[in-house]
């Protein structure tokens, strides 16, 4: 049964990821003087996932992303019955965060948030660099694959948990540095859904019409990662286990020869003593 605490952890964590990252893009990067720019927005997303991974990783695993949840299910990290509740929690957090962000952004006199993008993701004419749909799909697929591979790999063993959030946060920062000019960076369907719904409510329908890509590409990348990571490490573990078996066999063989020599020496000593 999906625990209430897991739901709350995923909802709150995704809320903070969306509010922190998109908030930095909508509020801070837009400042004419002292704006944080692309580097600042990238760091904001990385820091948001890093802090929530430390805060809620022990409760829910801090997926904060439907693509990570799908990859984790395929990799056998969570039960399939938990996938839909995880995603529902993530969506609720992302949509709530974007609604709050829209309320804050509309606060100053004369603010017109409908003329902006609310950090929504897009392709073709709505790509920051006007990249075509095919390019954007490939970028989202590959970068989500790399991100989920990183998440699943660094959380494999309990002894890695202390540093895993750092690796995950840095990976997400790098991904944003690469792909903000391409799609405004999704790699997370929940994060994309929040701004798309708010833009639709503001009568800007393009973000919702293009949302399919920011579900399909990340989920496909996450699914491939969920298969790839267990396969990759299983192959390594099989080689390690084979080496251990060989080492054990060699040790047994050497032990037998050693025992044989010792026994022969004992017999020879006993004979020598009996002769004397």
Protein backbone atom coordinates (compact mmCIF):
# COMPACT_ATOMS: atom_id res chain seq x y z
CA UNK A 1 0.00 0.00 0.00
CA UNK A 2 1.27 3.45 -0.94
CA UNK A 3 1.94 5.25 2.31
CA UNK A 4 0.61 8.74 2.93
CA UNK A 5 4.08 9.94 3.93
CA UNK A 6 5.50 8.86 0.58
CA UNK A 7 2.76 10.78 -1.22
CA UNK A 8 3.41 13.91 0.82
CA UNK A 9 7.19 13.59 0.38
CA UNK A 10 6.86 13.34 -3.41
CA UNK A 11 4.30 16.15 -3.59
CA UNK A 12 6.32 18.52 -1.44
CA UNK A 13 9.61 17.60 -3.11
CA UNK A 14 8.24 18.14 -6.62
CA UNK A 15 6.61 21.36 -5.45
CA UNK A 16 10.00 22.67 -4.32
CA UNK A 17 11.77 21.45 -7.46
CA UNK A 18 9.24 23.20 -9.70
CA UNK A 19 8.90 26.34 -7.61
CA UNK A 20 12.65 26.67 -7.08
CA UNK A 21 13.71 26.00 -10.66
CA UNK A 22 10.86 27.66 -12.56
CA UNK A 23 10.71 30.44 -9.98
CA UNK A 24 14.35 31.25 -10.63
CA UNK A 25 13.64 31.35 -14.37
CA UNK A 26 10.48 33.47 -14.11
CA UNK A 27 11.45 35.85 -11.30
CA UNK A 28 15.23 36.09 -11.03
CA UNK A 29 16.51 35.47 -14.55
CA UNK A 30 14.17 38.14 -15.91
CA UNK A 31 15.67 40.96 -13.85
CA UNK A 32 17.26 43.56 -16.17
CA UNK A 33 20.10 44.11 -13.71
CA UNK A 34 21.53 41.40 -11.51
CA UNK A 35 19.61 38.60 -13.24
CA UNK A 36 20.97 35.14 -12.57
CA UNK A 37 20.96 34.04 -16.22
CA UNK A 38 21.10 30.50 -17.58
CA UNK A 39 23.80 29.40 -15.13
CA UNK A 40 21.73 30.59 -12.19
CA UNK A 41 18.59 28.82 -13.40
CA UNK A 42 20.54 25.61 -13.96
CA UNK A 43 21.98 25.76 -10.46
CA UNK A 44 18.52 26.46 -9.04
CA UNK A 45 17.11 23.24 -10.47
CA UNK A 46 20.17 21.29 -9.29
CA UNK A 47 20.04 22.75 -5.79
CA UNK A 48 16.31 22.12 -5.53
CA UNK A 49 16.63 18.41 -6.31
CA UNK A 50 19.73 18.12 -4.11
CA UNK A 51 18.00 19.58 -1.06
CA UNK A 52 14.86 17.48 -1.50
CA UNK A 53 16.90 14.31 -2.05
CA UNK A 54 18.55 14.87 1.32
CA UNK A 55 15.25 15.84 2.94
CA UNK A 56 12.93 13.13 1.62
CA UNK A 57 15.17 10.49 0.09
CA UNK A 58 14.82 8.23 3.16
CA UNK A 59 10.99 8.41 2.92
CA UNK A 60 10.11 8.05 -0.76
CA UNK A 61 13.41 7.91 -2.59
CA UNK A 62 12.80 11.51 -3.72
CA UNK A 63 11.96 10.66 -7.33
CA UNK A 64 10.24 14.05 -7.93
CA UNK A 65 9.88 13.01 -11.57
CA UNK A 66 7.59 10.51 -13.36
CA UNK A 67 10.50 9.42 -15.58
CA UNK A 68 12.54 8.45 -12.51
CA UNK A 69 9.54 6.61 -11.06
CA UNK A 70 9.03 4.61 -14.27
CA UNK A 71 12.73 3.77 -14.42
CA UNK A 72 12.71 2.71 -10.77
CA UNK A 73 9.73 0.41 -11.38
CA UNK A 74 11.37 -1.24 -14.39
CA UNK A 75 14.58 -1.64 -12.39
CA UNK A 76 12.65 -3.33 -9.58
CA UNK A 77 13.24 -0.57 -7.03
CA UNK A 78 9.52 0.06 -6.37
CA UNK A 79 6.32 -1.94 -6.87
CA UNK A 80 4.30 -1.29 -10.02
CA UNK A 81 1.27 -0.58 -7.86
CA UNK A 82 3.09 2.52 -6.56
CA UNK A 83 3.78 4.08 -9.97
CA UNK A 84 0.45 5.87 -10.41
CA UNK A 85 0.34 7.25 -6.82
CA UNK A 86 3.94 8.47 -7.18
CA UNK A 87 3.10 10.26 -10.43
CA UNK A 88 -0.12 11.71 -9.01
CA UNK A 89 1.83 13.15 -6.06
CA UNK A 90 4.45 14.62 -8.37
CA UNK A 91 1.83 16.22 -10.60
CA UNK A 92 -0.01 17.73 -7.64
CA UNK A 93 3.22 19.26 -6.35
CA UNK A 94 4.26 20.66 -9.74
CA UNK A 95 0.85 22.17 -10.54
CA UNK A 96 0.54 23.72 -7.07
CA UNK A 97 4.01 25.23 -7.36
CA UNK A 98 3.27 26.80 -10.74
CA UNK A 99 -0.03 28.24 -9.51
CA UNK A 100 1.75 29.85 -6.58
CA UNK A 101 4.48 31.13 -8.89
CA UNK A 102 1.88 32.68 -11.21
CA UNK A 103 0.25 34.41 -8.24
CA UNK A 104 3.58 35.86 -7.07
CA UNK A 105 4.68 36.89 -10.57
CA UNK A 106 1.42 38.76 -11.12
CA UNK A 107 1.95 40.83 -7.97
CA UNK A 108 3.78 43.92 -9.29
CA UNK A 109 1.68 46.67 -10.81
CA UNK A 110 1.33 46.23 -14.53
CA UNK A 111 2.62 42.66 -14.52
CA UNK A 112 1.42 40.64 -17.50
CA UNK A 113 2.34 37.03 -16.94
CA UNK A 114 0.28 35.94 -19.95
CA UNK A 115 2.89 37.53 -22.22
CA UNK A 116 5.61 35.30 -20.76
CA UNK A 117 6.08 31.55 -20.78
CA UNK A 118 6.06 30.66 -17.06
CA UNK A 119 9.16 28.56 -17.88
CA UNK A 120 7.06 26.26 -20.06
CA UNK A 121 8.81 23.81 -22.36
CA UNK A 122 8.43 24.00 -26.12
CA UNK A 123 9.78 23.04 -29.51
CA UNK A 124 9.97 24.63 -32.97
CA UNK A 125 8.76 28.24 -32.68
CA UNK A 126 8.46 27.87 -28.90
CA UNK A 127 11.97 26.51 -28.42
CA UNK A 128 14.28 29.22 -27.01
CA UNK A 129 16.67 28.54 -29.90
CA UNK A 130 13.88 27.55 -32.33
CA UNK A 131 15.11 23.97 -32.56
CA UNK A 132 12.87 21.62 -34.60
CA UNK A 133 10.65 19.01 -32.94
CA UNK A 134 12.85 16.04 -33.87
CA UNK A 135 15.95 17.65 -32.35
CA UNK A 136 14.07 18.53 -29.18
CA UNK A 137 12.70 14.99 -28.84
CA UNK A 138 16.14 13.42 -29.18
CA UNK A 139 17.64 15.87 -26.69
CA UNK A 140 14.93 15.21 -24.10
CA UNK A 141 15.16 11.45 -24.59
CA UNK A 142 18.94 11.25 -24.29
CA UNK A 143 19.26 13.68 -21.39
CA UNK A 144 16.49 11.99 -19.41
CA UNK A 145 18.15 8.63 -20.04
CA UNK A 146 21.44 9.96 -18.68
CA UNK A 147 19.72 11.56 -15.70
CA UNK A 148 17.79 8.44 -14.69
CA UNK A 149 20.89 6.27 -15.21
CA UNK A 150 22.69 8.59 -12.79
CA UNK A 151 19.89 8.43 -10.23
CA UNK A 152 19.56 4.64 -10.33
CA UNK A 153 23.31 4.05 -10.35
CA UNK A 154 24.29 6.28 -7.43
CA UNK A 155 21.45 4.97 -5.23
CA UNK A 156 22.21 1.27 -5.73
CA UNK A 157 24.00 0.75 -2.41
CA UNK A 158 23.23 2.14 1.01
CA UNK A 159 26.80 3.31 1.55
CA UNK A 160 26.40 5.67 -1.44
CA UNK A 161 23.33 7.42 -0.05
CA UNK A 162 25.28 10.18 1.67
CA UNK A 163 26.77 11.52 -1.57
CA UNK A 164 24.07 10.44 -4.04
CA UNK A 165 22.08 13.73 -3.82
CA UNK A 166 25.19 15.69 -4.77
CA UNK A 167 25.72 13.61 -7.91
CA UNK A 168 22.04 13.87 -8.83
CA UNK A 169 21.94 17.63 -8.28
CA UNK A 170 25.08 18.19 -10.34
CA UNK A 171 23.75 15.98 -13.13
CA UNK A 172 20.53 18.00 -13.31
CA UNK A 173 22.52 21.25 -13.31
CA UNK A 174 24.64 20.06 -16.24
CA UNK A 175 21.55 18.87 -18.13
CA UNK A 176 19.99 22.33 -17.80
CA UNK A 177 23.18 24.02 -18.97
CA UNK A 178 23.01 21.88 -22.10
CA UNK A 179 19.33 21.99 -22.93
CA UNK A 180 17.81 25.29 -21.76
CA UNK A 181 18.44 26.76 -25.25
CA UNK A 182 16.85 23.69 -26.86
CA UNK A 183 13.58 23.05 -24.98
CA UNK A 184 13.87 25.16 -21.82
CA UNK A 185 14.74 21.78 -20.28
CA UNK A 186 12.10 19.33 -19.17
CA UNK A 187 13.48 15.81 -18.49
CA UNK A 188 10.53 15.76 -16.07
CA UNK A 189 6.90 15.46 -17.23
CA UNK A 190 5.52 16.80 -13.93
CA UNK A 191 7.65 19.94 -14.10
CA UNK A 192 6.42 20.48 -17.69
CA UNK A 193 2.76 19.89 -16.87
CA UNK A 194 2.49 22.62 -14.24
CA UNK A 195 3.51 25.53 -16.50
CA UNK A 196 1.56 24.09 -19.46
CA UNK A 197 -1.69 24.05 -17.45
CA UNK A 198 -1.14 27.55 -16.08
CA UNK A 199 -0.37 28.87 -19.56
CA UNK A 200 -3.56 27.23 -20.83
CA UNK A 201 -5.51 28.97 -18.07
CA UNK A 202 -3.94 32.24 -19.28
CA UNK A 203 -5.26 31.44 -22.78
CA UNK A 204 -1.83 30.48 -24.13
CA UNK A 205 -2.64 27.04 -25.50
CA UNK A 206 0.63 26.18 -27.26
CA UNK A 207 2.34 24.78 -24.15
CA UNK A 208 -0.45 22.28 -23.54
CA UNK A 209 -0.52 21.30 -27.22
CA UNK A 210 3.21 20.56 -27.12
CA UNK A 211 3.14 18.82 -23.75
CA UNK A 212 2.95 15.36 -25.34
CA UNK A 213 6.65 15.53 -26.22
CA UNK A 214 7.65 16.33 -22.66
CA UNK A 215 5.86 13.23 -21.46
CA UNK A 216 6.79 10.82 -24.23
CA UNK A 217 10.50 11.60 -24.57
CA UNK A 218 11.32 11.65 -20.82
CA UNK A 219 9.28 8.51 -20.09
CA UNK A 220 10.96 6.67 -22.96
CA UNK A 221 14.39 7.74 -21.70
CA UNK A 222 13.53 6.78 -18.13
CA UNK A 223 12.21 3.38 -19.22
CA UNK A 224 15.39 2.60 -21.14
CA UNK A 225 17.48 3.63 -18.12
CA UNK A 226 15.39 1.35 -15.90
CA UNK A 227 16.39 -1.60 -18.07
CA UNK A 228 19.96 -0.48 -18.70
CA UNK A 229 21.19 0.05 -15.13
CA UNK A 230 20.32 -3.44 -13.79
CA UNK A 231 21.78 -5.00 -16.94
CA UNK A 232 24.98 -3.01 -16.67
CA UNK A 233 25.61 -3.74 -13.01
CA UNK A 234 24.40 -7.34 -13.23
CA UNK A 235 27.09 -8.01 -15.83
CA UNK A 236 29.70 -6.47 -13.54
CA UNK A 237 28.45 -8.41 -10.53
CA UNK A 238 28.54 -11.67 -12.48
CA UNK A 239 32.19 -11.08 -13.37
CA UNK A 240 32.94 -10.21 -9.75
CA UNK A 241 31.17 -13.32 -8.50
CA UNK A 242 33.02 -15.45 -11.05
CA UNK A 243 36.31 -14.03 -9.84
CA UNK A 244 35.36 -14.78 -6.25
CA UNK A 245 34.50 -18.37 -7.14
CA UNK A 246 37.82 -18.81 -8.95
CA UNK A 247 39.66 -17.21 -6.06
CA UNK A 248 37.86 -19.50 -3.64
CA UNK A 249 38.72 -22.57 -5.74
CA UNK A 250 42.36 -21.53 -5.98
CA UNK A 251 42.41 -20.89 -2.25
CA UNK A 252 40.94 -24.33 -1.58
CA UNK A 253 43.44 -25.97 -3.91
CA UNK A 254 46.35 -24.11 -2.34
CA UNK A 255 45.02 -24.94 1.09
CA UNK A 256 44.85 -28.63 0.20
CA UNK A 257 48.42 -28.65 -1.07
CA UNK A 258 49.59 -26.78 2.02
CA UNK A 259 47.75 -29.19 4.28
CA UNK A 260 49.28 -32.09 2.40
CA UNK A 261 52.80 -30.74 2.88
CA UNK A 262 52.17 -30.05 6.57
CA UNK A 263 50.79 -33.54 7.09
CA UNK A 264 53.78 -35.07 5.28
CA UNK A 265 56.10 -33.04 7.47
CA UNK A 266 54.31 -34.18 10.60
CA UNK A 267 54.58 -37.79 9.51
CA UNK A 268 58.27 -37.37 8.72
CA UNK A 269 58.88 -35.76 12.11
CA UNK A 270 57.05 -38.53 13.86
CA UNK A 271 59.12 -41.11 11.99
CA UNK A 272 62.36 -39.28 12.77
CA UNK A 273 61.43 -39.15 16.41
CA UNK A 274 60.58 -42.79 16.53
CA UNK A 275 63.89 -43.68 14.99
CA UNK A 276 65.85 -41.73 17.50
